Amino acid sequence: MSITLENITVDCTNAKDLATFWAAVLSTEVDAEANEFFATVNRAADGPTLMFLQVPEPRNGKNRLHLDLATADWSTEVDRLVALGAKRLDEHTEYGTHWITLADPEDNVFDLADHA
């Protein structure tokens, strides 16, 4: 038997709203059945689905898991993500990589690396 990665699940206060943000980040669409309780992005594509589930409690503390994204058009994409609702948190150059740490509209942290 083998194991496959099916979903990356994010707990949130409004599944459809957060899925809409992430679909825009990834230049794709929210899957059709989305609502405030449950939404997915990328289900039909080859690779893991982003799944968003409404939960009653807020996030406490730092994410223990986050997404690392990369682009060759770093400054343009950083500006686009901020315009979509992301917040700039910090910028780093370490381990041979330049990246920015951002937060999505529900304050989930993610990184965007410069792969110029």
PDB file of N, CA and C in Angstrom:
ATOM      1  N   MET A   1       0.836  -1.194   0.000  1.00  0.00           N
ATOM      2  CA  MET A   1       0.000   0.000   0.000  1.00  0.00           C
ATOM      3  C   MET A   1       0.872   1.245   0.000  1.00  0.00           C
ATOM      4  N   SER A   2       0.316   2.318  -0.525  1.00  0.00           N
ATOM      5  CA  SER A   2       1.020   3.585  -0.479  1.00  0.00           C
ATOM      6  C   SER A   2       0.066   4.659   0.029  1.00  0.00           C
ATOM      7  N   ILE A   3       0.625   5.720   0.520  1.00  0.00           N
ATOM      8  CA  ILE A   3      -0.149   6.836   1.051  1.00  0.00           C
ATOM      9  C   ILE A   3       0.024   8.018   0.111  1.00  0.00           C
ATOM     10  N   THR A   4      -1.060   8.730  -0.149  1.00  0.00           N
ATOM     11  CA  THR A   4      -0.999   9.929  -0.975  1.00  0.00           C
ATOM     12  C   THR A   4      -1.493  11.123  -0.166  1.00  0.00           C
ATOM     13  N   LEU A   5      -0.997  12.280  -0.492  1.00  0.00           N
ATOM     14  CA  LEU A   5      -1.449  13.521   0.128  1.00  0.00           C
ATOM     15  C   LEU A   5      -2.677  14.004  -0.641  1.00  0.00           C
ATOM     16  N   GLU A   6      -3.835  13.978  -0.007  1.00  0.00           N
ATOM     17  CA  GLU A   6      -5.089  14.334  -0.664  1.00  0.00           C
ATOM     18  C   GLU A   6      -5.474  15.789  -0.429  1.00  0.00           C
ATOM     19  N   ASN A   7      -5.414  16.250   0.832  1.00  0.00           N
ATOM     20  CA  ASN A   7      -5.886  17.585   1.185  1.00  0.00           C
ATOM     21  C   ASN A   7      -4.902  18.265   2.118  1.00  0.00           C
ATOM     22  N   ILE A   8      -4.838  19.561   1.997  1.00  0.00           N
ATOM     23  CA  ILE A   8      -4.213  20.407   3.006  1.00  0.00           C
ATOM     24  C   ILE A   8      -5.379  21.206   3.570  1.00  0.00           C
ATOM     25  N   THR A   9      -5.691  20.984   4.851  1.00  0.00           N
ATOM     26  CA  THR A   9      -6.901  21.536   5.445  1.00  0.00           C
ATOM     27  C   THR A   9      -6.574  22.713   6.345  1.00  0.00           C
ATOM     28  N   VAL A  10      -7.368  23.770   6.202  1.00  0.00           N
ATOM     29  CA  VAL A  10      -7.192  24.980   6.993  1.00  0.00           C
ATOM     30  C   VAL A  10      -8.475  25.220   7.780  1.00  0.00           C
ATOM     31  N   ASP A  11      -8.360  25.282   9.103  1.00  0.00           N
ATOM     32  CA  ASP A  11      -9.487  25.670   9.943  1.00  0.00           C
ATOM     33  C   ASP A  11      -9.651  27.183   9.840  1.00  0.00           C
ATOM     34  N   CYS A  12     -10.902  27.648   9.808  1.00  0.00           N
ATOM     35  CA  CYS A  12     -11.132  29.078   9.592  1.00  0.00           C
ATOM     36  C   CYS A  12     -12.510  29.486  10.103  1.00  0.00           C
ATOM     37  N   THR A  13     -12.796  30.779  10.061  1.00  0.00           N
ATOM     38  CA  THR A  13     -14.108  31.263  10.491  1.00  0.00           C
ATOM     39  C   THR A  13     -15.111  31.302   9.342  1.00  0.00           C
ATOM     40  N   ASN A  14     -14.643  31.490   8.099  1.00  0.00           N
ATOM     41  CA  ASN A  14     -15.533  31.472   6.946  1.00  0.00           C
ATOM     42  C   ASN A  14     -14.809  30.765   5.803  1.00  0.00           C
ATOM     43  N   ALA A  15     -15.230  29.532   5.529  1.00  0.00           N
ATOM     44  CA  ALA A  15     -14.537  28.694   4.556  1.00  0.00           C
ATOM     45  C   ALA A  15     -14.559  29.289   3.148  1.00  0.00           C
ATOM     46  N   LYS A  16     -15.701  29.757   2.700  1.00  0.00           N
ATOM     47  CA  LYS A  16     -15.784  30.279   1.331  1.00  0.00           C
ATOM     48  C   LYS A  16     -14.938  31.536   1.158  1.00  0.00           C
ATOM     49  N   ASP A  17     -14.967  32.438   2.143  1.00  0.00           N
ATOM     50  CA  ASP A  17     -14.168  33.664   2.035  1.00  0.00           C
ATOM     51  C   ASP A  17     -12.676  33.358   1.979  1.00  0.00           C
ATOM     52  N   LEU A  18     -12.215  32.466   2.842  1.00  0.00           N
ATOM     53  CA  LEU A  18     -10.781  32.166   2.844  1.00  0.00           C
ATOM     54  C   LEU A  18     -10.391  31.376   1.594  1.00  0.00           C
ATOM     55  N   ALA A  19     -11.252  30.474   1.141  1.00  0.00           N
ATOM     56  CA  ALA A  19     -10.985  29.747  -0.105  1.00  0.00           C
ATOM     57  C   ALA A  19     -10.901  30.710  -1.281  1.00  0.00           C
ATOM     58  N   THR A  20     -11.736  31.729  -1.283  1.00  0.00           N
ATOM     59  CA  THR A  20     -11.715  32.727  -2.360  1.00  0.00           C
ATOM     60  C   THR A  20     -10.367  33.457  -2.391  1.00  0.00           C
ATOM     61  N   PHE A  21      -9.845  33.820  -1.222  1.00  0.00           N
ATOM     62  CA  PHE A  21      -8.530  34.450  -1.154  1.00  0.00           C
ATOM     63  C   PHE A  21      -7.469  33.508  -1.742  1.00  0.00           C
ATOM     64  N   TRP A  22      -7.438  32.255  -1.271  1.00  0.00           N
ATOM     65  CA  TRP A  22      -6.405  31.317  -1.716  1.00  0.00           C
ATOM     66  C   TRP A  22      -6.553  30.956  -3.191  1.00  0.00           C
ATOM     67  N   ALA A  23      -7.775  30.871  -3.695  1.00  0.00           N
ATOM     68  CA  ALA A  23      -7.964  30.628  -5.128  1.00  0.00           C
ATOM     69  C   ALA A  23      -7.367  31.779  -5.934  1.00  0.00           C
ATOM     70  N   ALA A  24      -7.568  33.010  -5.473  1.00  0.00           N
ATOM     71  CA  ALA A  24      -6.984  34.167  -6.163  1.00  0.00           C
ATOM     72  C   ALA A  24      -5.462  34.137  -6.087  1.00  0.00           C
ATOM     73  N   VAL A  25      -4.910  33.758  -4.927  1.00  0.00           N
ATOM     74  CA  VAL A  25      -3.456  33.643  -4.790  1.00  0.00           C
ATOM     75  C   VAL A  25      -2.904  32.686  -5.841  1.00  0.00           C
ATOM     76  N   LEU A  26      -3.576  31.550  -6.011  1.00  0.00           N
ATOM     77  CA  LEU A  26      -3.098  30.496  -6.908  1.00  0.00           C
ATOM     78  C   LEU A  26      -3.641  30.626  -8.329  1.00  0.00           C
ATOM     79  N   SER A  27      -4.337  31.729  -8.623  1.00  0.00           N
ATOM     80  CA  SER A  27      -4.915  31.996  -9.954  1.00  0.00           C
ATOM     81  C   SER A  27      -5.787  30.834 -10.431  1.00  0.00           C
ATOM     82  N   THR A  28      -6.697  30.419  -9.566  1.00  0.00           N
ATOM     83  CA  THR A  28      -7.627  29.341  -9.897  1.00  0.00           C
ATOM     84  C   THR A  28      -8.996  29.699  -9.332  1.00  0.00           C
ATOM     85  N   GLU A  29      -9.893  28.739  -9.268  1.00  0.00           N
ATOM     86  CA  GLU A  29     -11.267  28.977  -8.824  1.00  0.00           C
ATOM     87  C   GLU A  29     -11.575  28.196  -7.550  1.00  0.00           C
ATOM     88  N   VAL A  30     -12.524  28.684  -6.790  1.00  0.00           N
ATOM     89  CA  VAL A  30     -13.085  27.935  -5.672  1.00  0.00           C
ATOM     90  C   VAL A  30     -14.006  26.881  -6.276  1.00  0.00           C
ATOM     91  N   ASP A  31     -13.963  25.657  -5.762  1.00  0.00           N
ATOM     92  CA  ASP A  31     -14.823  24.599  -6.275  1.00  0.00           C
ATOM     93  C   ASP A  31     -16.292  24.915  -5.979  1.00  0.00           C
ATOM     94  N   ALA A  32     -17.192  24.408  -6.801  1.00  0.00           N
ATOM     95  CA  ALA A  32     -18.591  24.833  -6.873  1.00  0.00           C
ATOM     96  C   ALA A  32     -19.389  24.747  -5.576  1.00  0.00           C
ATOM     97  N   GLU A  33     -19.192  23.760  -4.745  1.00  0.00           N
ATOM     98  CA  GLU A  33     -20.061  23.568  -3.583  1.00  0.00           C
ATOM     99  C   GLU A  33     -19.691  24.431  -2.381  1.00  0.00           C
ATOM    100  N   ALA A  34     -18.851  25.407  -2.539  1.00  0.00           N
ATOM    101  CA  ALA A  34     -18.346  26.212  -1.420  1.00  0.00           C
ATOM    102  C   ALA A  34     -19.456  26.942  -0.682  1.00  0.00           C
ATOM    103  N   ASN A  35     -19.296  26.982   0.640  1.00  0.00           N
ATOM    104  CA  ASN A  35     -20.174  27.785   1.488  1.00  0.00           C
ATOM    105  C   ASN A  35     -19.368  28.225   2.704  1.00  0.00           C
ATOM    106  N   GLU A  36     -19.987  28.890   3.651  1.00  0.00           N
ATOM    107  CA  GLU A  36     -19.234  29.417   4.793  1.00  0.00           C
ATOM    108  C   GLU A  36     -18.653  28.321   5.687  1.00  0.00           C
ATOM    109  N   PHE A  37     -19.174  27.100   5.576  1.00  0.00           N
ATOM    110  CA  PHE A  37     -18.748  25.997   6.438  1.00  0.00           C
ATOM    111  C   PHE A  37     -17.670  25.114   5.810  1.00  0.00           C
ATOM    112  N   PHE A  38     -17.713  24.955   4.478  1.00  0.00           N
ATOM    113  CA  PHE A  38     -16.825  24.031   3.771  1.00  0.00           C
ATOM    114  C   PHE A  38     -16.548  24.562   2.373  1.00  0.00           C
ATOM    115  N   ALA A  39     -15.283  24.535   1.986  1.00  0.00           N
ATOM    116  CA  ALA A  39     -14.914  24.937   0.630  1.00  0.00           C
ATOM    117  C   ALA A  39     -13.612  24.256   0.246  1.00  0.00           C
ATOM    118  N   THR A  40     -13.445  24.041  -1.059  1.00  0.00           N
ATOM    119  CA  THR A  40     -12.193  23.469  -1.570  1.00  0.00           C
ATOM    120  C   THR A  40     -11.706  24.284  -2.765  1.00  0.00           C
ATOM    121  N   VAL A  41     -10.406  24.174  -2.987  1.00  0.00           N
ATOM    122  CA  VAL A  41      -9.745  24.797  -4.132  1.00  0.00           C
ATOM    123  C   VAL A  41      -8.852  23.739  -4.749  1.00  0.00           C
ATOM    124  N   ASN A  42      -8.945  23.564  -6.070  1.00  0.00           N
ATOM    125  CA  ASN A  42      -8.006  22.712  -6.787  1.00  0.00           C
ATOM    126  C   ASN A  42      -8.366  21.227  -6.734  1.00  0.00           C
ATOM    127  N   ARG A  43      -9.603  20.880  -6.433  1.00  0.00           N
ATOM    128  CA  ARG A  43      -9.950  19.464  -6.299  1.00  0.00           C
ATOM    129  C   ARG A  43      -9.741  18.678  -7.592  1.00  0.00           C
ATOM    130  N   ALA A  44     -10.020  19.262  -8.747  1.00  0.00           N
ATOM    131  CA  ALA A  44      -9.914  18.547 -10.020  1.00  0.00           C
ATOM    132  C   ALA A  44      -8.475  18.460 -10.534  1.00  0.00           C
ATOM    133  N   ALA A  45      -7.569  19.220  -9.965  1.00  0.00           N
ATOM    134  CA  ALA A  45      -6.185  19.254 -10.456  1.00  0.00           C
ATOM    135  C   ALA A  45      -5.390  18.056  -9.929  1.00  0.00           C
ATOM    136  N   ASP A  46      -4.270  17.833 -10.544  1.00  0.00           N
ATOM    137  CA  ASP A  46      -3.358  16.786 -10.102  1.00  0.00           C
ATOM    138  C   ASP A  46      -2.541  17.332  -8.938  1.00  0.00           C
ATOM    139  N   GLY A  47      -2.740  16.815  -7.765  1.00  0.00           N
ATOM    140  CA  GLY A  47      -2.041  17.296  -6.586  1.00  0.00           C
ATOM    141  C   GLY A  47      -3.020  17.503  -5.456  1.00  0.00           C
ATOM    142  N   PRO A  48      -2.531  17.919  -4.305  1.00  0.00           N
ATOM    143  CA  PRO A  48      -3.427  18.051  -3.159  1.00  0.00           C
ATOM    144  C   PRO A  48      -4.435  19.183  -3.309  1.00  0.00           C
ATOM    145  N   THR A  49      -5.587  18.987  -2.687  1.00  0.00           N
ATOM    146  CA  THR A  49      -6.655  19.975  -2.641  1.00  0.00           C
ATOM    147  C   THR A  49      -6.475  20.835  -1.400  1.00  0.00           C
ATOM    148  N   LEU A  50      -6.708  22.128  -1.524  1.00  0.00           N
ATOM    149  CA  LEU A  50      -6.805  22.976  -0.342  1.00  0.00           C
ATOM    150  C   LEU A  50      -8.242  22.893   0.146  1.00  0.00           C
ATOM    151  N   MET A  51      -8.426  22.499   1.405  1.00  0.00           N
ATOM    152  CA  MET A  51      -9.752  22.371   1.987  1.00  0.00           C
ATOM    153  C   MET A  51      -9.868  23.343   3.152  1.00  0.00           C
ATOM    154  N   PHE A  52     -11.004  24.015   3.239  1.00  0.00           N
ATOM    155  CA  PHE A  52     -11.245  24.999   4.289  1.00  0.00           C
ATOM    156  C   PHE A  52     -12.480  24.574   5.069  1.00  0.00           C
ATOM    157  N   LEU A  53     -12.341  24.504   6.394  1.00  0.00           N
ATOM    158  CA  LEU A  53     -13.419  24.070   7.271  1.00  0.00           C
ATOM    159  C   LEU A  53     -13.663  25.110   8.347  1.00  0.00           C
ATOM    160  N   GLN A  54     -14.928  25.496   8.501  1.00  0.00           N
ATOM    161  CA  GLN A  54     -15.271  26.443   9.564  1.00  0.00           C
ATOM    162  C   GLN A  54     -15.161  25.743  10.921  1.00  0.00           C
ATOM    163  N   VAL A  55     -14.511  26.410  11.857  1.00  0.00           N
ATOM    164  CA  VAL A  55     -14.418  25.919  13.228  1.00  0.00           C
ATOM    165  C   VAL A  55     -14.842  27.052  14.164  1.00  0.00           C
ATOM    166  N   PRO A  56     -15.348  26.711  15.356  1.00  0.00           N
ATOM    167  CA  PRO A  56     -15.848  27.761  16.254  1.00  0.00           C
ATOM    168  C   PRO A  56     -14.762  28.542  16.976  1.00  0.00           C
ATOM    169  N   GLU A  57     -13.605  27.940  17.197  1.00  0.00           N
ATOM    170  CA  GLU A  57     -12.581  28.607  17.995  1.00  0.00           C
ATOM    171  C   GLU A  57     -11.572  29.338  17.102  1.00  0.00           C
ATOM    172  N   PRO A  58     -11.026  30.448  17.583  1.00  0.00           N
ATOM    173  CA  PRO A  58      -9.996  31.175  16.822  1.00  0.00           C
ATOM    174  C   PRO A  58      -8.647  30.448  16.911  1.00  0.00           C
ATOM    175  N   ARG A  59      -7.782  30.786  15.970  1.00  0.00           N
ATOM    176  CA  ARG A  59      -6.418  30.249  16.015  1.00  0.00           C
ATOM    177  C   ARG A  59      -5.694  30.903  17.178  1.00  0.00           C
ATOM    178  N   ASN A  60      -4.941  30.117  17.923  1.00  0.00           N
ATOM    179  CA  ASN A  60      -4.143  30.638  19.036  1.00  0.00           C
ATOM    180  C   ASN A  60      -2.671  30.384  18.752  1.00  0.00           C
ATOM    181  N   GLY A  61      -1.875  31.435  18.739  1.00  0.00           N
ATOM    182  CA  GLY A  61      -0.440  31.275  18.533  1.00  0.00           C
ATOM    183  C   GLY A  61      -0.069  31.109  17.073  1.00  0.00           C
ATOM    184  N   LYS A  62       1.182  30.779  16.872  1.00  0.00           N
ATOM    185  CA  LYS A  62       1.760  30.640  15.539  1.00  0.00           C
ATOM    186  C   LYS A  62       1.303  29.341  14.872  1.00  0.00           C
ATOM    187  N   ASN A  63       1.133  29.392  13.538  1.00  0.00           N
ATOM    188  CA  ASN A  63       0.850  28.167  12.783  1.00  0.00           C
ATOM    189  C   ASN A  63       1.959  27.157  13.035  1.00  0.00           C
ATOM    190  N   ARG A  64       1.616  25.913  13.173  1.00  0.00           N
ATOM    191  CA  ARG A  64       2.619  24.848  13.268  1.00  0.00           C
ATOM    192  C   ARG A  64       2.949  24.301  11.884  1.00  0.00           C
ATOM    193  N   LEU A  65       2.146  24.624  10.902  1.00  0.00           N
ATOM    194  CA  LEU A  65       2.334  24.209   9.520  1.00  0.00           C
ATOM    195  C   LEU A  65       1.982  25.408   8.653  1.00  0.00           C
ATOM    196  N   HIS A  66       2.784  25.675   7.628  1.00  0.00           N
ATOM    197  CA  HIS A  66       2.445  26.768   6.722  1.00  0.00           C
ATOM    198  C   HIS A  66       2.840  26.410   5.305  1.00  0.00           C
ATOM    199  N   LEU A  67       2.296  27.131   4.343  1.00  0.00           N
ATOM    200  CA  LEU A  67       2.610  26.912   2.934  1.00  0.00           C
ATOM    201  C   LEU A  67       3.804  27.766   2.535  1.00  0.00           C
ATOM    202  N   ASP A  68       4.689  27.189   1.754  1.00  0.00           N
ATOM    203  CA  ASP A  68       5.800  27.900   1.132  1.00  0.00           C
ATOM    204  C   ASP A  68       5.520  27.951  -0.365  1.00  0.00           C
ATOM    205  N   LEU A  69       5.382  29.150  -0.883  1.00  0.00           N
ATOM    206  CA  LEU A  69       5.135  29.382  -2.303  1.00  0.00           C
ATOM    207  C   LEU A  69       6.388  29.992  -2.910  1.00  0.00           C
ATOM    208  N   ALA A  70       6.503  29.945  -4.239  1.00  0.00           N
ATOM    209  CA  ALA A  70       7.672  30.513  -4.905  1.00  0.00           C
ATOM    210  C   ALA A  70       7.251  31.120  -6.235  1.00  0.00           C
ATOM    211  N   THR A  71       7.986  32.141  -6.667  1.00  0.00           N
ATOM    212  CA  THR A  71       7.720  32.798  -7.940  1.00  0.00           C
ATOM    213  C   THR A  71       9.005  33.408  -8.483  1.00  0.00           C
ATOM    214  N   ALA A  72       9.043  33.550  -9.799  1.00  0.00           N
ATOM    215  CA  ALA A  72      10.166  34.238 -10.437  1.00  0.00           C
ATOM    216  C   ALA A  72       9.901  35.744 -10.543  1.00  0.00           C
ATOM    217  N   ASP A  73       8.648  36.165 -10.337  1.00  0.00           N
ATOM    218  CA  ASP A  73       8.269  37.581 -10.423  1.00  0.00           C
ATOM    219  C   ASP A  73       7.897  38.068  -9.018  1.00  0.00           C
ATOM    220  N   TRP A  74       8.867  38.013  -8.126  1.00  0.00           N
ATOM    221  CA  TRP A  74       8.655  38.176  -6.694  1.00  0.00           C
ATOM    222  C   TRP A  74       7.986  39.494  -6.310  1.00  0.00           C
ATOM    223  N   SER A  75       8.545  40.623  -6.691  1.00  0.00           N
ATOM    224  CA  SER A  75       8.003  41.908  -6.235  1.00  0.00           C
ATOM    225  C   SER A  75       6.587  42.139  -6.759  1.00  0.00           C
ATOM    226  N   THR A  76       6.314  41.755  -7.992  1.00  0.00           N
ATOM    227  CA  THR A  76       4.971  41.890  -8.552  1.00  0.00           C
ATOM    228  C   THR A  76       3.983  41.019  -7.790  1.00  0.00           C
ATOM    229  N   GLU A  77       4.385  39.782  -7.490  1.00  0.00           N
ATOM    230  CA  GLU A  77       3.484  38.868  -6.788  1.00  0.00           C
ATOM    231  C   GLU A  77       3.267  39.291  -5.335  1.00  0.00           C
ATOM    232  N   VAL A  78       4.286  39.810  -4.686  1.00  0.00           N
ATOM    233  CA  VAL A  78       4.098  40.313  -3.319  1.00  0.00           C
ATOM    234  C   VAL A  78       3.053  41.429  -3.331  1.00  0.00           C
ATOM    235  N   ASP A  79       3.175  42.362  -4.255  1.00  0.00           N
ATOM    236  CA  ASP A  79       2.200  43.450  -4.354  1.00  0.00           C
ATOM    237  C   ASP A  79       0.795  42.916  -4.644  1.00  0.00           C
ATOM    238  N   ARG A  80       0.687  41.914  -5.513  1.00  0.00           N
ATOM    239  CA  ARG A  80      -0.614  41.329  -5.852  1.00  0.00           C
ATOM    240  C   ARG A  80      -1.234  40.657  -4.629  1.00  0.00           C
ATOM    241  N   LEU A  81      -0.433  39.914  -3.865  1.00  0.00           N
ATOM    242  CA  LEU A  81      -0.954  39.229  -2.682  1.00  0.00           C
ATOM    243  C   LEU A  81      -1.426  40.228  -1.624  1.00  0.00           C
ATOM    244  N   VAL A  82      -0.684  41.298  -1.454  1.00  0.00           N
ATOM    245  CA  VAL A  82      -1.088  42.331  -0.498  1.00  0.00           C
ATOM    246  C   VAL A  82      -2.392  42.980  -0.969  1.00  0.00           C
ATOM    247  N   ALA A  83      -2.532  43.224  -2.262  1.00  0.00           N
ATOM    248  CA  ALA A  83      -3.767  43.797  -2.789  1.00  0.00           C
ATOM    249  C   ALA A  83      -4.956  42.850  -2.598  1.00  0.00           C
ATOM    250  N   LEU A  84      -4.705  41.544  -2.581  1.00  0.00           N
ATOM    251  CA  LEU A  84      -5.767  40.559  -2.346  1.00  0.00           C
ATOM    252  C   LEU A  84      -6.186  40.495  -0.877  1.00  0.00           C
ATOM    253  N   GLY A  85      -5.335  41.022   0.019  1.00  0.00           N
ATOM    254  CA  GLY A  85      -5.681  41.008   1.439  1.00  0.00           C
ATOM    255  C   GLY A  85      -4.625  40.408   2.348  1.00  0.00           C
ATOM    256  N   ALA A  86      -3.507  39.974   1.791  1.00  0.00           N
ATOM    257  CA  ALA A  86      -2.418  39.448   2.625  1.00  0.00           C
ATOM    258  C   ALA A  86      -1.731  40.592   3.367  1.00  0.00           C
ATOM    259  N   LYS A  87      -1.143  40.273   4.503  1.00  0.00           N
ATOM    260  CA  LYS A  87      -0.391  41.265   5.284  1.00  0.00           C
ATOM    261  C   LYS A  87       1.083  40.883   5.291  1.00  0.00           C
ATOM    262  N   ARG A  88       1.942  41.868   5.057  1.00  0.00           N
ATOM    263  CA  ARG A  88       3.386  41.659   5.158  1.00  0.00           C
ATOM    264  C   ARG A  88       3.772  41.515   6.621  1.00  0.00           C
ATOM    265  N   LEU A  89       4.554  40.485   6.939  1.00  0.00           N
ATOM    266  CA  LEU A  89       5.003  40.301   8.313  1.00  0.00           C
ATOM    267  C   LEU A  89       6.505  40.468   8.469  1.00  0.00           C
ATOM    268  N   ASP A  90       7.284  39.851   7.584  1.00  0.00           N
ATOM    269  CA  ASP A  90       8.733  39.888   7.727  1.00  0.00           C
ATOM    270  C   ASP A  90       9.380  39.490   6.407  1.00  0.00           C
ATOM    271  N   GLU A  91      10.630  39.849   6.229  1.00  0.00           N
ATOM    272  CA  GLU A  91      11.370  39.489   5.018  1.00  0.00           C
ATOM    273  C   GLU A  91      12.716  38.923   5.433  1.00  0.00           C
ATOM    274  N   HIS A  92      13.175  37.892   4.715  1.00  0.00           N
ATOM    275  CA  HIS A  92      14.402  37.176   5.094  1.00  0.00           C
ATOM    276  C   HIS A  92      15.249  36.858   3.870  1.00  0.00           C
ATOM    277  N   THR A  93      16.522  36.751   4.090  1.00  0.00           N
ATOM    278  CA  THR A  93      17.444  36.153   3.142  1.00  0.00           C
ATOM    279  C   THR A  93      18.343  35.233   3.952  1.00  0.00           C
ATOM    280  N   GLU A  94      18.061  33.959   3.860  1.00  0.00           N
ATOM    281  CA  GLU A  94      18.817  32.942   4.589  1.00  0.00           C
ATOM    282  C   GLU A  94      18.828  31.660   3.772  1.00  0.00           C
ATOM    283  N   TYR A  95      19.787  30.833   4.049  1.00  0.00           N
ATOM    284  CA  TYR A  95      19.871  29.505   3.417  1.00  0.00           C
ATOM    285  C   TYR A  95      19.878  29.594   1.894  1.00  0.00           C
ATOM    286  N   GLY A  96      20.392  30.688   1.350  1.00  0.00           N
ATOM    287  CA  GLY A  96      20.457  30.874  -0.095  1.00  0.00           C
ATOM    288  C   GLY A  96      19.136  31.266  -0.738  1.00  0.00           C
ATOM    289  N   THR A  97      18.160  31.668   0.071  1.00  0.00           N
ATOM    290  CA  THR A  97      16.844  32.014  -0.453  1.00  0.00           C
ATOM    291  C   THR A  97      16.368  33.348   0.125  1.00  0.00           C
ATOM    292  N   HIS A  98      15.726  34.126  -0.724  1.00  0.00           N
ATOM    293  CA  HIS A  98      15.100  35.378  -0.298  1.00  0.00           C
ATOM    294  C   HIS A  98      13.593  35.132  -0.271  1.00  0.00           C
ATOM    295  N   TRP A  99      12.919  35.445   0.854  1.00  0.00           N
ATOM    296  CA  TRP A  99      11.481  35.249   0.941  1.00  0.00           C
ATOM    297  C   TRP A  99      10.840  36.261   1.867  1.00  0.00           C
ATOM    298  N   ILE A 100       9.530  36.374   1.716  1.00  0.00           N
ATOM    299  CA  ILE A 100       8.735  37.227   2.580  1.00  0.00           C
ATOM    300  C   ILE A 100       7.721  36.351   3.305  1.00  0.00           C
ATOM    301  N   THR A 101       7.493  36.659   4.553  1.00  0.00           N
ATOM    302  CA  THR A 101       6.447  35.995   5.326  1.00  0.00           C
ATOM    303  C   THR A 101       5.233  36.913   5.328  1.00  0.00           C
ATOM    304  N   LEU A 102       4.098  36.338   4.968  1.00  0.00           N
ATOM    305  CA  LEU A 102       2.838  37.071   4.887  1.00  0.00           C
ATOM    306  C   LEU A 102       1.797  36.354   5.740  1.00  0.00           C
ATOM    307  N   ALA A 103       0.661  36.999   5.957  1.00  0.00           N
ATOM    308  CA  ALA A 103      -0.479  36.371   6.623  1.00  0.00           C
ATOM    309  C   ALA A 103      -1.702  36.541   5.740  1.00  0.00           C
ATOM    310  N   ASP A 104      -2.521  35.497   5.662  1.00  0.00           N
ATOM    311  CA  ASP A 104      -3.759  35.583   4.889  1.00  0.00           C
ATOM    312  C   ASP A 104      -4.801  36.372   5.689  1.00  0.00           C
ATOM    313  N   PRO A 105      -5.997  36.589   5.151  1.00  0.00           N
ATOM    314  CA  PRO A 105      -6.992  37.401   5.864  1.00  0.00           C
ATOM    315  C   PRO A 105      -7.406  36.878   7.242  1.00  0.00           C
ATOM    316  N   GLU A 106      -7.141  35.603   7.552  1.00  0.00           N
ATOM    317  CA  GLU A 106      -7.438  35.067   8.883  1.00  0.00           C
ATOM    318  C   GLU A 106      -6.161  34.889   9.708  1.00  0.00           C
ATOM    319  N   ASP A 107      -5.092  35.555   9.288  1.00  0.00           N
ATOM    320  CA  ASP A 107      -3.803  35.577   9.985  1.00  0.00           C
ATOM    321  C   ASP A 107      -3.037  34.262   9.969  1.00  0.00           C
ATOM    322  N   ASN A 108      -3.323  33.389   8.996  1.00  0.00           N
ATOM    323  CA  ASN A 108      -2.514  32.194   8.804  1.00  0.00           C
ATOM    324  C   ASN A 108      -1.261  32.595   8.042  1.00  0.00           C
ATOM    325  N   VAL A 109      -0.115  32.235   8.568  1.00  0.00           N
ATOM    326  CA  VAL A 109       1.180  32.648   8.023  1.00  0.00           C
ATOM    327  C   VAL A 109       1.555  31.768   6.826  1.00  0.00           C
ATOM    328  N   PHE A 110       2.143  32.398   5.793  1.00  0.00           N
ATOM    329  CA  PHE A 110       2.701  31.672   4.655  1.00  0.00           C
ATOM    330  C   PHE A 110       3.882  32.456   4.109  1.00  0.00           C
ATOM    331  N   ASP A 111       4.715  31.802   3.307  1.00  0.00           N
ATOM    332  CA  ASP A 111       5.908  32.427   2.751  1.00  0.00           C
ATOM    333  C   ASP A 111       5.860  32.446   1.228  1.00  0.00           C
ATOM    334  N   LEU A 112       6.469  33.473   0.650  1.00  0.00           N
ATOM    335  CA  LEU A 112       6.656  33.549  -0.800  1.00  0.00           C
ATOM    336  C   LEU A 112       8.137  33.761  -1.056  1.00  0.00           C
ATOM    337  N   ALA A 113       8.762  32.777  -1.710  1.00  0.00           N
ATOM    338  CA  ALA A 113      10.198  32.822  -2.008  1.00  0.00           C
ATOM    339  C   ALA A 113      10.437  33.408  -3.389  1.00  0.00           C
ATOM    340  N   ASP A 114      11.589  34.044  -3.533  1.00  0.00           N
ATOM    341  CA  ASP A 114      12.038  34.632  -4.789  1.00  0.00           C
ATOM    342  C   ASP A 114      12.876  33.596  -5.527  1.00  0.00           C
ATOM    343  N   HIS A 115      12.369  33.104  -6.640  1.00  0.00           N
ATOM    344  CA  HIS A 115      13.107  32.140  -7.469  1.00  0.00           C
ATOM    345  C   HIS A 115      13.428  32.766  -8.809  1.00  0.00           C
ATOM    346  N   ALA A 116      14.144  33.883  -8.753  1.00  0.00           N
ATOM    347  CA  ALA A 116      14.487  34.622  -9.969  1.00  0.00           C
ATOM    348  C   ALA A 116      15.549  33.887 -10.769  1.00  0.00           C
TER     349      ALA A 116
END
